Amino acid sequence: MPLTLTFSDTDELLLAALHKRARAHGRSIEEEHRDILRNALRPLPKRPLDDILRNMPDVGPDVDFAHRS
């Protein structure tokens, strides 16, 4: 289903950044805008908790979690 989006009162610096980003990626402003929306609104893939925990960086000893009597 085709949809037309119109933006008014858009910050000139934001528009300049969009133009620059589109040129850097070798595509039209419309294509760049579509890609930005697609990436921003795409649901994040679900990862198992053990995978997330396993990939956390090692930040040193766990003294903050040590049992205190």
PDB file of N, CA and C in Angstrom:
ATOM      1  N   MET A   1       0.839  -1.164   0.000  1.00  0.00           N
ATOM      2  CA  MET A   1       0.000   0.000   0.000  1.00  0.00           C
ATOM      3  C   MET A   1       0.895   1.242   0.000  1.00  0.00           C
ATOM      4  N   PRO A   2       0.859   2.054  -1.027  1.00  0.00           N
ATOM      5  CA  PRO A   2       1.662   3.269  -1.091  1.00  0.00           C
ATOM      6  C   PRO A   2       1.209   4.281  -0.040  1.00  0.00           C
ATOM      7  N   LEU A   3       2.178   4.968   0.506  1.00  0.00           N
ATOM      8  CA  LEU A   3       1.914   5.981   1.519  1.00  0.00           C
ATOM      9  C   LEU A   3       2.825   7.165   1.249  1.00  0.00           C
ATOM     10  N   THR A   4       2.287   8.348   1.369  1.00  0.00           N
ATOM     11  CA  THR A   4       3.073   9.556   1.190  1.00  0.00           C
ATOM     12  C   THR A   4       3.237  10.227   2.536  1.00  0.00           C
ATOM     13  N   LEU A   5       4.490  10.495   2.904  1.00  0.00           N
ATOM     14  CA  LEU A   5       4.779  11.206   4.146  1.00  0.00           C
ATOM     15  C   LEU A   5       5.255  12.606   3.798  1.00  0.00           C
ATOM     16  N   THR A   6       4.709  13.592   4.464  1.00  0.00           N
ATOM     17  CA  THR A   6       5.110  14.975   4.244  1.00  0.00           C
ATOM     18  C   THR A   6       5.576  15.547   5.570  1.00  0.00           C
ATOM     19  N   PHE A   7       6.742  16.173   5.544  1.00  0.00           N
ATOM     20  CA  PHE A   7       7.286  16.778   6.757  1.00  0.00           C
ATOM     21  C   PHE A   7       7.363  18.284   6.554  1.00  0.00           C
ATOM     22  N   SER A   8       6.817  19.008   7.504  1.00  0.00           N
ATOM     23  CA  SER A   8       6.906  20.464   7.435  1.00  0.00           C
ATOM     24  C   SER A   8       7.672  20.961   8.658  1.00  0.00           C
ATOM     25  N   ASP A   9       8.221  22.149   8.532  1.00  0.00           N
ATOM     26  CA  ASP A   9       8.993  22.747   9.623  1.00  0.00           C
ATOM     27  C   ASP A   9      10.120  21.835  10.103  1.00  0.00           C
ATOM     28  N   THR A  10      10.806  21.205   9.164  1.00  0.00           N
ATOM     29  CA  THR A  10      11.909  20.320   9.505  1.00  0.00           C
ATOM     30  C   THR A  10      13.187  21.132   9.618  1.00  0.00           C
ATOM     31  N   ASP A  11      13.977  20.829  10.622  1.00  0.00           N
ATOM     32  CA  ASP A  11      15.235  21.506  10.884  1.00  0.00           C
ATOM     33  C   ASP A  11      16.158  21.394   9.666  1.00  0.00           C
ATOM     34  N   GLU A  12      16.692  22.518   9.227  1.00  0.00           N
ATOM     35  CA  GLU A  12      17.578  22.538   8.046  1.00  0.00           C
ATOM     36  C   GLU A  12      18.822  21.683   8.255  1.00  0.00           C
ATOM     37  N   LEU A  13      19.353  21.657   9.478  1.00  0.00           N
ATOM     38  CA  LEU A  13      20.529  20.819   9.752  1.00  0.00           C
ATOM     39  C   LEU A  13      20.193  19.341   9.616  1.00  0.00           C
ATOM     40  N   LEU A  14      18.984  18.983  10.025  1.00  0.00           N
ATOM     41  CA  LEU A  14      18.534  17.598   9.886  1.00  0.00           C
ATOM     42  C   LEU A  14      18.408  17.218   8.414  1.00  0.00           C
ATOM     43  N   LEU A  15      17.845  18.104   7.622  1.00  0.00           N
ATOM     44  CA  LEU A  15      17.724  17.842   6.184  1.00  0.00           C
ATOM     45  C   LEU A  15      19.094  17.742   5.524  1.00  0.00           C
ATOM     46  N   ALA A  16      20.031  18.613   5.919  1.00  0.00           N
ATOM     47  CA  ALA A  16      21.381  18.565   5.369  1.00  0.00           C
ATOM     48  C   ALA A  16      22.050  17.240   5.733  1.00  0.00           C
ATOM     49  N   ALA A  17      21.843  16.779   6.955  1.00  0.00           N
ATOM     50  CA  ALA A  17      22.419  15.500   7.383  1.00  0.00           C
ATOM     51  C   ALA A  17      21.833  14.342   6.587  1.00  0.00           C
ATOM     52  N   LEU A  18      20.531  14.416   6.294  1.00  0.00           N
ATOM     53  CA  LEU A  18      19.887  13.375   5.492  1.00  0.00           C
ATOM     54  C   LEU A  18      20.455  13.354   4.078  1.00  0.00           C
ATOM     55  N   HIS A  19      20.634  14.531   3.481  1.00  0.00           N
ATOM     56  CA  HIS A  19      21.228  14.624   2.143  1.00  0.00           C
ATOM     57  C   HIS A  19      22.635  14.030   2.154  1.00  0.00           C
ATOM     58  N   LYS A  20      23.423  14.396   3.146  1.00  0.00           N
ATOM     59  CA  LYS A  20      24.804  13.920   3.233  1.00  0.00           C
ATOM     60  C   LYS A  20      24.854  12.401   3.407  1.00  0.00           C
ATOM     61  N   ARG A  21      23.993  11.889   4.253  1.00  0.00           N
ATOM     62  CA  ARG A  21      23.962  10.442   4.492  1.00  0.00           C
ATOM     63  C   ARG A  21      23.526   9.687   3.232  1.00  0.00           C
ATOM     64  N   ALA A  22      22.537  10.221   2.525  1.00  0.00           N
ATOM     65  CA  ALA A  22      22.075   9.584   1.286  1.00  0.00           C
ATOM     66  C   ALA A  22      23.200   9.554   0.257  1.00  0.00           C
ATOM     67  N   ARG A  23      23.916  10.674   0.099  1.00  0.00           N
ATOM     68  CA  ARG A  23      25.044  10.716  -0.848  1.00  0.00           C
ATOM     69  C   ARG A  23      26.125   9.707  -0.455  1.00  0.00           C
ATOM     70  N   ALA A  24      26.416   9.620   0.842  1.00  0.00           N
ATOM     71  CA  ALA A  24      27.448   8.698   1.320  1.00  0.00           C
ATOM     72  C   ALA A  24      27.085   7.243   1.030  1.00  0.00           C
ATOM     73  N   HIS A  25      25.794   6.932   1.030  1.00  0.00           N
ATOM     74  CA  HIS A  25      25.345   5.565   0.759  1.00  0.00           C
ATOM     75  C   HIS A  25      24.981   5.355  -0.708  1.00  0.00           C
ATOM     76  N   GLY A  26      25.129   6.401  -1.515  1.00  0.00           N
ATOM     77  CA  GLY A  26      24.853   6.271  -2.948  1.00  0.00           C
ATOM     78  C   GLY A  26      23.400   6.007  -3.274  1.00  0.00           C
ATOM     79  N   ARG A  27      22.510   6.645  -2.540  1.00  0.00           N
ATOM     80  CA  ARG A  27      21.087   6.439  -2.826  1.00  0.00           C
ATOM     81  C   ARG A  27      20.327   7.754  -2.701  1.00  0.00           C
ATOM     82  N   SER A  28      19.087   7.719  -3.117  1.00  0.00           N
ATOM     83  CA  SER A  28      18.262   8.920  -3.070  1.00  0.00           C
ATOM     84  C   SER A  28      17.883   9.234  -1.630  1.00  0.00           C
ATOM     85  N   ILE A  29      17.429  10.456  -1.415  1.00  0.00           N
ATOM     86  CA  ILE A  29      16.984  10.862  -0.086  1.00  0.00           C
ATOM     87  C   ILE A  29      15.795  10.009   0.345  1.00  0.00           C
ATOM     88  N   GLU A  30      14.912   9.725  -0.586  1.00  0.00           N
ATOM     89  CA  GLU A  30      13.747   8.893  -0.268  1.00  0.00           C
ATOM     90  C   GLU A  30      14.177   7.488   0.157  1.00  0.00           C
ATOM     91  N   GLU A  31      15.134   6.907  -0.585  1.00  0.00           N
ATOM     92  CA  GLU A  31      15.624   5.571  -0.217  1.00  0.00           C
ATOM     93  C   GLU A  31      16.294   5.596   1.154  1.00  0.00           C
ATOM     94  N   GLU A  32      17.070   6.641   1.403  1.00  0.00           N
ATOM     95  CA  GLU A  32      17.746   6.768   2.696  1.00  0.00           C
ATOM     96  C   GLU A  32      16.732   6.907   3.822  1.00  0.00           C
ATOM     97  N   HIS A  33      15.725   7.730   3.600  1.00  0.00           N
ATOM     98  CA  HIS A  33      14.683   7.933   4.596  1.00  0.00           C
ATOM     99  C   HIS A  33      13.954   6.626   4.893  1.00  0.00           C
ATOM    100  N   ARG A  34      13.653   5.864   3.844  1.00  0.00           N
ATOM    101  CA  ARG A  34      12.997   4.565   4.013  1.00  0.00           C
ATOM    102  C   ARG A  34      13.857   3.624   4.850  1.00  0.00           C
ATOM    103  N   ASP A  35      15.173   3.612   4.557  1.00  0.00           N
ATOM    104  CA  ASP A  35      16.096   2.737   5.278  1.00  0.00           C
ATOM    105  C   ASP A  35      16.178   3.120   6.756  1.00  0.00           C
ATOM    106  N   ILE A  36      16.221   4.417   7.031  1.00  0.00           N
ATOM    107  CA  ILE A  36      16.266   4.885   8.419  1.00  0.00           C
ATOM    108  C   ILE A  36      15.007   4.443   9.159  1.00  0.00           C
ATOM    109  N   LEU A  37      13.852   4.638   8.559  1.00  0.00           N
ATOM    110  CA  LEU A  37      12.596   4.211   9.189  1.00  0.00           C
ATOM    111  C   LEU A  37      12.556   2.698   9.387  1.00  0.00           C
ATOM    112  N   ARG A  38      12.973   1.964   8.381  1.00  0.00           N
ATOM    113  CA  ARG A  38      12.966   0.496   8.453  1.00  0.00           C
ATOM    114  C   ARG A  38      13.831   0.025   9.624  1.00  0.00           C
ATOM    115  N   ASN A  39      15.037   0.584   9.735  1.00  0.00           N
ATOM    116  CA  ASN A  39      15.942   0.168  10.810  1.00  0.00           C
ATOM    117  C   ASN A  39      15.452   0.605  12.183  1.00  0.00           C
ATOM    118  N   ALA A  40      14.835   1.766  12.257  1.00  0.00           N
ATOM    119  CA  ALA A  40      14.342   2.270  13.541  1.00  0.00           C
ATOM    120  C   ALA A  40      13.123   1.502  14.032  1.00  0.00           C
ATOM    121  N   LEU A  41      12.302   1.034  13.123  1.00  0.00           N
ATOM    122  CA  LEU A  41      11.033   0.421  13.505  1.00  0.00           C
ATOM    123  C   LEU A  41      11.018  -1.099  13.431  1.00  0.00           C
ATOM    124  N   ARG A  42      12.071  -1.691  12.910  1.00  0.00           N
ATOM    125  CA  ARG A  42      12.148  -3.150  12.815  1.00  0.00           C
ATOM    126  C   ARG A  42      12.215  -3.742  14.218  1.00  0.00           C
ATOM    127  N   PRO A  43      11.425  -4.753  14.495  1.00  0.00           N
ATOM    128  CA  PRO A  43      11.495  -5.371  15.830  1.00  0.00           C
ATOM    129  C   PRO A  43      12.884  -5.986  16.058  1.00  0.00           C
ATOM    130  N   LEU A  44      13.377  -5.836  17.282  1.00  0.00           N
ATOM    131  CA  LEU A  44      14.667  -6.425  17.620  1.00  0.00           C
ATOM    132  C   LEU A  44      14.517  -7.938  17.734  1.00  0.00           C
ATOM    133  N   PRO A  45      15.523  -8.679  17.277  1.00  0.00           N
ATOM    134  CA  PRO A  45      15.441 -10.137  17.412  1.00  0.00           C
ATOM    135  C   PRO A  45      15.524 -10.522  18.892  1.00  0.00           C
ATOM    136  N   LYS A  46      14.767 -11.511  19.249  1.00  0.00           N
ATOM    137  CA  LYS A  46      14.779 -11.981  20.637  1.00  0.00           C
ATOM    138  C   LYS A  46      15.972 -12.912  20.830  1.00  0.00           C
ATOM    139  N   ARG A  47      16.680 -12.700  21.932  1.00  0.00           N
ATOM    140  CA  ARG A  47      17.826 -13.545  22.267  1.00  0.00           C
ATOM    141  C   ARG A  47      17.578 -14.189  23.623  1.00  0.00           C
ATOM    142  N   PRO A  48      17.993 -15.443  23.778  1.00  0.00           N
ATOM    143  CA  PRO A  48      17.840 -16.082  25.086  1.00  0.00           C
ATOM    144  C   PRO A  48      18.689 -15.358  26.136  1.00  0.00           C
ATOM    145  N   LEU A  49      18.195 -15.322  27.369  1.00  0.00           N
ATOM    146  CA  LEU A  49      18.895 -14.634  28.445  1.00  0.00           C
ATOM    147  C   LEU A  49      20.302 -15.189  28.638  1.00  0.00           C
ATOM    148  N   ASP A  50      20.468 -16.504  28.566  1.00  0.00           N
ATOM    149  CA  ASP A  50      21.808 -17.067  28.773  1.00  0.00           C
ATOM    150  C   ASP A  50      22.785 -16.593  27.700  1.00  0.00           C
ATOM    151  N   ASP A  51      22.319 -16.360  26.485  1.00  0.00           N
ATOM    152  CA  ASP A  51      23.168 -15.830  25.419  1.00  0.00           C
ATOM    153  C   ASP A  51      23.589 -14.395  25.730  1.00  0.00           C
ATOM    154  N   ILE A  52      22.649 -13.605  26.215  1.00  0.00           N
ATOM    155  CA  ILE A  52      22.948 -12.215  26.573  1.00  0.00           C
ATOM    156  C   ILE A  52      23.964 -12.173  27.710  1.00  0.00           C
ATOM    157  N   LEU A  53      23.733 -12.973  28.748  1.00  0.00           N
ATOM    158  CA  LEU A  53      24.653 -12.997  29.887  1.00  0.00           C
ATOM    159  C   LEU A  53      26.035 -13.496  29.493  1.00  0.00           C
ATOM    160  N   ARG A  54      26.084 -14.491  28.652  1.00  0.00           N
ATOM    161  CA  ARG A  54      27.370 -15.060  28.216  1.00  0.00           C
ATOM    162  C   ARG A  54      28.190 -14.040  27.416  1.00  0.00           C
ATOM    163  N   ASN A  55      27.521 -13.125  26.739  1.00  0.00           N
ATOM    164  CA  ASN A  55      28.212 -12.150  25.898  1.00  0.00           C
ATOM    165  C   ASN A  55      28.481 -10.817  26.593  1.00  0.00           C
ATOM    166  N   MET A  56      28.166 -10.739  27.884  1.00  0.00           N
ATOM    167  CA  MET A  56      28.465  -9.521  28.625  1.00  0.00           C
ATOM    168  C   MET A  56      29.971  -9.428  28.855  1.00  0.00           C
ATOM    169  N   PRO A  57      30.522  -8.209  28.792  1.00  0.00           N
ATOM    170  CA  PRO A  57      31.968  -8.083  29.000  1.00  0.00           C
ATOM    171  C   PRO A  57      32.349  -8.365  30.449  1.00  0.00           C
ATOM    172  N   ASP A  58      33.551  -8.870  30.635  1.00  0.00           N
ATOM    173  CA  ASP A  58      34.094  -9.116  31.966  1.00  0.00           C
ATOM    174  C   ASP A  58      34.604  -7.784  32.501  1.00  0.00           C
ATOM    175  N   VAL A  59      34.023  -7.313  33.584  1.00  0.00           N
ATOM    176  CA  VAL A  59      34.425  -6.020  34.137  1.00  0.00           C
ATOM    177  C   VAL A  59      35.168  -6.176  35.458  1.00  0.00           C
ATOM    178  N   GLY A  60      35.677  -7.347  35.734  1.00  0.00           N
ATOM    179  CA  GLY A  60      36.461  -7.559  36.945  1.00  0.00           C
ATOM    180  C   GLY A  60      35.730  -8.422  37.954  1.00  0.00           C
ATOM    181  N   PRO A  61      36.285  -8.444  39.167  1.00  0.00           N
ATOM    182  CA  PRO A  61      35.705  -9.313  40.211  1.00  0.00           C
ATOM    183  C   PRO A  61      34.306  -8.852  40.613  1.00  0.00           C
ATOM    184  N   ASP A  62      33.546  -9.782  41.076  1.00  0.00           N
ATOM    185  CA  ASP A  62      32.152  -9.519  41.454  1.00  0.00           C
ATOM    186  C   ASP A  62      32.030  -9.149  42.929  1.00  0.00           C
ATOM    187  N   VAL A  63      32.900  -8.257  43.428  1.00  0.00           N
ATOM    188  CA  VAL A  63      32.882  -7.913  44.850  1.00  0.00           C
ATOM    189  C   VAL A  63      31.587  -7.246  45.264  1.00  0.00           C
ATOM    190  N   ASP A  64      30.933  -6.584  44.352  1.00  0.00           N
ATOM    191  CA  ASP A  64      29.664  -5.932  44.687  1.00  0.00           C
ATOM    192  C   ASP A  64      28.585  -6.956  45.022  1.00  0.00           C
ATOM    193  N   PHE A  65      28.780  -8.198  44.575  1.00  0.00           N
ATOM    194  CA  PHE A  65      27.779  -9.225  44.787  1.00  0.00           C
ATOM    195  C   PHE A  65      28.181 -10.225  45.873  1.00  0.00           C
ATOM    196  N   ALA A  66      29.319  -9.971  46.514  1.00  0.00           N
ATOM    197  CA  ALA A  66      29.795 -10.881  47.562  1.00  0.00           C
ATOM    198  C   ALA A  66      28.863 -10.817  48.759  1.00  0.00           C
ATOM    199  N   HIS A  67      28.672 -11.969  49.380  1.00  0.00           N
ATOM    200  CA  HIS A  67      27.814 -12.040  50.566  1.00  0.00           C
ATOM    201  C   HIS A  67      28.513 -11.373  51.734  1.00  0.00           C
ATOM    202  N   ARG A  68      27.787 -10.512  52.422  1.00  0.00           N
ATOM    203  CA  ARG A  68      28.338  -9.822  53.586  1.00  0.00           C
ATOM    204  C   ARG A  68      27.580 -10.293  54.829  1.00  0.00           C
ATOM    205  N   SER A  69      28.313 -10.602  55.875  1.00  0.00           N
ATOM    206  CA  SER A  69      27.667 -11.049  57.126  1.00  0.00           C
ATOM    207  C   SER A  69      27.463  -9.908  58.076  1.00  0.00           C
TER     208      SER A  69
END
